[in-house]
Amino acid sequence: MGTQIYNTFYTPLGLVNIEHLAHGSIHIDWEGMHIYVDPYSDLYNYSKLKKADLIILTHAHTDHYDGRAIKDIATPNTEFIVSKGVETCIKHDLTKMGIDVDNNELSVDPSTNLENVFRDTPCLKNCVIHTLYNNESIKIKGIDIKATPAYNINNKRDNGHPFHIKGEGNGYILNMGGFKIYIAGDTEFIPEMEEAKGADIAFLPKNLPYTLSDEEFIKAANFIKPKNLYPIHYFEIDPKVLLEGLSTGICLYVNGAQCHK
């Protein structure tokens, strides 16, 4: 379960409260507008949380696209931003042995959640769903949002395919009047992180073999040099190890608590 510790930051467009709930799940409260990223019910109870104005999904793996968590916080007025991989789940019935509506075989990542929560949940059928492919942008509810690539280069499954395939999933940069929040998604240290340099807040994943090792996490963080840094998606963490490698000026938060050397 999450620690329910909020961190408050000032943006040119008002206060933003940040909460790392668990795993890759994030809650952003911007002046009373509630934004959730990758809600995941196995590690957090969403049933008593504020309803979502906006839900952002990075990719279609079961620990990021979770119907039970979405049902707990979504309303007919909730808007969604989803990646190409989630769009595939929405447009096809993947539960039918990987066959799409035109009877064509689909190649589906084995970690994909085959559920189509938007089809199966009546209150979500009329929700506005925005699909962003890598490098596409949208302005929604006063926030400029850009989808960034998120993928593996080196870490692969036994079949030779990356755990996260380029183009299927997204990271996101949220821009609130010049205050930038980078949500990396499930990724390794990739060249496209250049665009996130200088972010006010960065959420970077840390776990092997799916995302970043401690060493890669530190390299990525020092490359981006965010003012505030949150490790997410980890199985275990040693803040002292991370602090020793981080450049001066990067403020590290773990479970909402600011870490010090």
Protein backbone atom coordinates (compact mmCIF):
# COMPACT_ATOMS: atom_id res chain seq x y z
CA MET A 1 0.00 0.00 0.00
CA GLY A 2 1.05 3.61 -0.54
CA THR A 3 2.17 5.86 2.29
CA GLN A 4 -0.31 8.67 1.61
CA ILE A 5 2.50 11.22 1.74
CA TYR A 6 1.93 14.16 -0.56
CA ASN A 7 4.71 16.40 -1.79
CA THR A 8 3.56 19.88 -2.80
CA PHE A 9 5.20 21.89 -5.56
CA TYR A 10 4.50 25.34 -6.97
CA THR A 11 3.79 25.75 -10.67
CA PRO A 12 3.00 28.94 -12.61
CA LEU A 13 -0.56 27.64 -12.81
CA GLY A 14 -1.10 26.69 -9.16
CA LEU A 15 -0.11 24.08 -6.61
CA VAL A 16 0.48 20.48 -7.59
CA ASN A 17 0.47 17.64 -5.06
CA ILE A 18 2.38 14.50 -5.97
CA GLU A 19 1.85 11.06 -4.51
CA HIS A 20 3.60 7.82 -5.51
CA LEU A 21 0.92 5.28 -4.61
CA ALA A 22 2.70 2.00 -5.37
CA HIS A 23 4.65 0.32 -8.16
CA GLY A 24 4.24 2.51 -11.29
CA SER A 25 1.10 4.23 -9.99
CA ILE A 26 1.07 7.98 -9.45
CA HIS A 27 -1.58 10.42 -8.21
CA ILE A 28 -1.29 14.07 -9.23
CA ASP A 29 -3.64 16.61 -7.64
CA TRP A 30 -3.36 19.86 -9.54
CA GLU A 31 -5.58 22.53 -7.99
CA GLY A 32 -8.30 19.95 -7.30
CA MET A 33 -8.00 18.14 -10.63
CA HIS A 34 -7.15 14.49 -10.00
CA ILE A 35 -4.84 12.74 -12.44
CA TYR A 36 -3.87 9.08 -12.08
CA VAL A 37 -1.09 7.32 -13.94
CA ASP A 38 -1.20 3.52 -14.33
CA PRO A 39 -3.52 2.74 -11.39
CA TYR A 40 -2.80 -0.80 -10.13
CA SER A 41 -5.15 -2.47 -7.66
CA ASP A 42 -2.92 -5.40 -6.64
CA LEU A 43 -0.82 -3.04 -4.52
CA TYR A 44 -3.23 -0.22 -3.70
CA ASN A 45 -6.92 0.12 -2.79
CA TYR A 46 -8.43 2.75 -5.10
CA SER A 47 -12.00 2.40 -3.88
CA LYS A 48 -11.81 5.32 -1.43
CA LEU A 49 -9.74 7.71 -3.51
CA LYS A 50 -11.01 10.83 -5.25
CA LYS A 51 -12.56 10.15 -8.63
CA ALA A 52 -10.37 10.72 -11.65
CA ASP A 53 -10.62 13.68 -13.98
CA LEU A 54 -7.86 12.20 -16.15
CA ILE A 55 -6.32 8.72 -16.28
CA ILE A 56 -3.05 8.25 -18.16
CA LEU A 57 -1.95 4.76 -19.21
CA THR A 58 1.61 4.13 -20.34
CA HIS A 59 1.16 0.64 -21.80
CA ALA A 60 -1.04 -2.45 -21.76
CA HIS A 61 0.81 -4.73 -19.35
CA THR A 62 -1.36 -6.03 -16.51
CA ASP A 63 0.43 -3.96 -13.86
CA HIS A 64 -0.25 -0.72 -15.75
CA TYR A 65 -3.59 -1.26 -17.50
CA ASP A 66 -5.74 -2.64 -14.68
CA GLY A 67 -9.50 -2.74 -15.10
CA ARG A 68 -10.31 -3.13 -11.42
CA ALA A 69 -8.39 -0.01 -10.42
CA ILE A 70 -9.81 1.97 -13.33
CA LYS A 71 -13.37 1.02 -12.39
CA ASP A 72 -12.81 2.27 -8.83
CA ILE A 73 -11.80 5.80 -9.84
CA ALA A 74 -13.35 6.45 -13.27
CA THR A 75 -16.66 8.14 -14.02
CA PRO A 76 -18.47 8.82 -17.32
CA ASN A 77 -16.73 12.22 -17.30
CA THR A 78 -13.22 10.85 -16.87
CA GLU A 79 -10.94 11.37 -19.86
CA PHE A 80 -8.17 8.96 -20.79
CA ILE A 81 -4.84 9.25 -22.50
CA VAL A 82 -3.58 5.89 -23.71
CA SER A 83 -0.69 4.44 -25.70
CA LYS A 84 -0.73 2.44 -28.92
CA GLY A 85 -0.61 -0.80 -26.94
CA VAL A 86 -3.70 0.10 -24.92
CA GLU A 87 -5.45 1.22 -28.11
CA THR A 88 -4.90 -2.30 -29.48
CA CYS A 89 -6.76 -3.72 -26.47
CA ILE A 90 -9.61 -1.28 -27.02
CA LYS A 91 -10.00 -1.87 -30.76
CA HIS A 92 -9.78 -5.67 -30.73
CA ASP A 93 -11.15 -8.52 -28.68
CA LEU A 94 -7.85 -10.03 -27.64
CA THR A 95 -9.58 -12.60 -25.45
CA LYS A 96 -10.45 -14.58 -28.59
CA MET A 97 -7.14 -16.37 -28.97
CA GLY A 98 -5.38 -13.38 -30.50
CA ILE A 99 -7.84 -12.99 -33.39
CA ASP A 100 -9.09 -9.51 -34.28
CA VAL A 101 -12.50 -8.49 -35.58
CA ASP A 102 -11.44 -9.16 -39.17
CA ASN A 103 -10.23 -12.67 -38.28
CA ASN A 104 -6.58 -11.73 -38.59
CA GLU A 105 -4.02 -13.13 -36.19
CA LEU A 106 -2.64 -10.64 -33.69
CA SER A 107 0.81 -10.80 -32.15
CA VAL A 108 0.23 -9.95 -28.50
CA ASP A 109 2.88 -9.35 -25.85
CA PRO A 110 2.45 -12.11 -23.23
CA SER A 111 2.24 -9.54 -20.40
CA THR A 112 -0.69 -7.74 -22.04
CA ASN A 113 -3.97 -7.38 -20.16
CA LEU A 114 -6.43 -8.86 -22.67
CA GLU A 115 -9.42 -7.23 -20.94
CA ASN A 116 -11.14 -4.35 -22.70
CA VAL A 117 -12.25 -2.35 -19.68
CA PHE A 118 -13.89 0.29 -21.86
CA ARG A 119 -16.16 -2.25 -23.51
CA ASP A 120 -16.91 -4.24 -20.39
CA THR A 121 -17.72 -1.35 -18.03
CA PRO A 122 -20.97 0.48 -18.92
CA CYS A 123 -20.05 3.82 -17.34
CA LEU A 124 -16.86 4.01 -19.41
CA LYS A 125 -18.38 3.38 -22.83
CA ASN A 126 -18.88 7.08 -23.53
CA CYS A 127 -15.66 8.33 -21.96
CA VAL A 128 -13.35 10.39 -24.15
CA ILE A 129 -10.24 8.36 -24.95
CA HIS A 130 -7.23 10.04 -26.54
CA THR A 131 -4.61 7.78 -28.10
CA LEU A 132 -1.14 9.30 -28.34
CA TYR A 133 1.60 7.62 -30.32
CA ASN A 134 5.24 8.35 -29.55
CA ASN A 135 6.05 12.07 -29.99
CA GLU A 136 2.40 13.12 -30.36
CA SER A 137 1.00 15.87 -28.16
CA ILE A 138 -2.33 17.10 -26.85
CA LYS A 139 -3.60 19.90 -24.64
CA ILE A 140 -6.20 18.60 -22.23
CA LYS A 141 -7.75 20.23 -19.18
CA GLY A 142 -5.17 23.01 -19.36
CA ILE A 143 -2.12 20.72 -19.45
CA ASP A 144 0.17 20.24 -22.44
CA ILE A 145 0.97 16.53 -22.63
CA LYS A 146 3.48 14.89 -24.93
CA ALA A 147 3.98 11.14 -25.39
CA THR A 148 7.62 10.10 -25.35
CA PRO A 149 9.14 6.74 -26.31
CA ALA A 150 9.55 4.07 -23.63
CA TYR A 151 11.19 0.78 -24.53
CA ASN A 152 13.93 -1.78 -23.93
CA ILE A 153 17.17 -1.89 -25.85
CA ASN A 154 19.06 -4.69 -24.09
CA ASN A 155 16.61 -6.49 -21.82
CA LYS A 156 14.67 -9.17 -23.71
CA ARG A 157 12.40 -12.16 -23.21
CA ASP A 158 13.47 -15.71 -23.96
CA ASN A 159 11.91 -15.35 -27.42
CA GLY A 160 14.25 -12.46 -28.21
CA HIS A 161 11.60 -9.73 -28.07
CA PRO A 162 12.18 -6.75 -25.78
CA PHE A 163 10.13 -6.67 -22.59
CA HIS A 164 8.82 -3.34 -23.85
CA ILE A 165 8.70 -2.85 -27.61
CA LYS A 166 9.45 0.55 -29.10
CA GLY A 167 6.27 2.30 -30.19
CA GLU A 168 3.88 0.19 -28.09
CA GLY A 169 4.20 2.15 -24.85
CA ASN A 170 4.65 5.76 -23.84
CA GLY A 171 6.33 7.93 -21.33
CA TYR A 172 4.76 11.35 -20.89
CA ILE A 173 5.82 14.92 -20.28
CA LEU A 174 3.17 17.02 -18.54
CA ASN A 175 3.70 20.77 -18.88
CA MET A 176 1.83 23.02 -16.47
CA GLY A 177 2.73 26.53 -17.58
CA GLY A 178 6.41 25.65 -17.88
CA PHE A 179 6.53 23.31 -14.88
CA LYS A 180 7.42 19.93 -16.39
CA ILE A 181 6.71 16.47 -15.02
CA TYR A 182 8.38 13.55 -16.80
CA ILE A 183 6.81 10.11 -16.36
CA ALA A 184 9.23 7.76 -18.08
CA GLY A 185 7.01 4.68 -18.36
CA ASP A 186 8.64 1.26 -18.50
CA THR A 187 11.93 1.89 -20.23
CA GLU A 188 15.67 1.56 -20.18
CA PHE A 189 18.04 4.51 -20.46
CA ILE A 190 17.25 5.65 -24.01
CA PRO A 191 18.42 8.58 -26.17
CA GLU A 192 14.92 10.07 -26.29
CA MET A 193 15.26 11.05 -22.62
CA GLU A 194 17.01 14.12 -24.02
CA GLU A 195 13.61 15.79 -24.26
CA ALA A 196 13.04 15.44 -20.52
CA LYS A 197 16.24 17.25 -19.54
CA GLY A 198 15.75 19.77 -16.77
CA ALA A 199 12.31 18.48 -15.77
CA ASP A 200 10.99 19.81 -12.50
CA ILE A 201 9.93 16.30 -11.52
CA ALA A 202 10.94 12.96 -13.03
CA PHE A 203 9.52 9.52 -12.32
CA LEU A 204 11.98 6.82 -13.39
CA PRO A 205 11.42 3.05 -13.13
CA LYS A 206 13.95 0.88 -11.34
CA ASN A 207 13.92 -2.90 -11.57
CA LEU A 208 15.59 -5.63 -13.56
CA PRO A 209 15.15 -7.18 -16.03
CA TYR A 210 12.25 -4.98 -17.13
CA THR A 211 13.56 -1.43 -16.75
CA LEU A 212 16.59 0.25 -15.13
CA SER A 213 19.26 -1.22 -12.90
CA ASP A 214 20.58 0.99 -10.09
CA GLU A 215 23.51 1.99 -12.30
CA GLU A 216 21.28 2.82 -15.28
CA PHE A 217 18.84 4.65 -13.04
CA ILE A 218 21.66 6.89 -11.80
CA LYS A 219 22.95 7.46 -15.34
CA ALA A 220 19.50 8.36 -16.62
CA ALA A 221 18.86 10.68 -13.69
CA ASN A 222 22.19 12.47 -14.11
CA PHE A 223 21.49 12.79 -17.84
CA ILE A 224 18.05 14.34 -17.28
CA LYS A 225 19.03 16.27 -14.12
CA PRO A 226 15.52 16.81 -12.81
CA LYS A 227 15.07 19.04 -9.79
CA ASN A 228 13.05 16.32 -8.06
CA LEU A 229 13.35 12.58 -8.66
CA TYR A 230 11.05 9.70 -7.78
CA PRO A 231 12.07 6.06 -8.28
CA ILE A 232 9.01 3.95 -9.12
CA HIS A 233 8.25 0.38 -10.24
CA TYR A 234 10.95 -1.08 -7.96
CA PHE A 235 10.99 -4.42 -6.15
CA GLU A 236 13.65 -3.28 -3.70
CA ILE A 237 15.48 -0.01 -3.16
CA ASP A 238 18.49 1.34 -1.27
CA PRO A 239 18.25 5.15 -1.26
CA LYS A 240 21.85 5.47 -0.02
CA VAL A 241 23.17 3.72 -3.14
CA LEU A 242 21.17 6.04 -5.38
CA LEU A 243 22.14 9.17 -3.44
CA GLU A 244 25.83 8.36 -3.70
CA GLY A 245 25.65 8.39 -7.48
CA LEU A 246 23.25 11.27 -8.10
CA SER A 247 24.52 14.67 -9.18
CA THR A 248 24.26 17.61 -6.81
CA GLY A 249 20.96 19.45 -7.11
CA ILE A 250 18.72 16.40 -7.62
CA CYS A 251 16.31 15.94 -4.74
CA LEU A 252 15.43 12.26 -4.25
CA TYR A 253 12.06 11.14 -2.85
CA VAL A 254 11.27 7.54 -1.89
CA ASN A 255 7.66 6.80 -0.90
CA GLY A 256 7.15 10.53 -0.49
CA ALA A 257 10.01 11.02 1.96
CA GLN A 258 12.89 13.26 0.95
CA CYS A 259 16.19 11.38 1.18
CA HIS A 260 19.45 12.82 2.48
CA LYS A 261 23.04 11.62 2.31
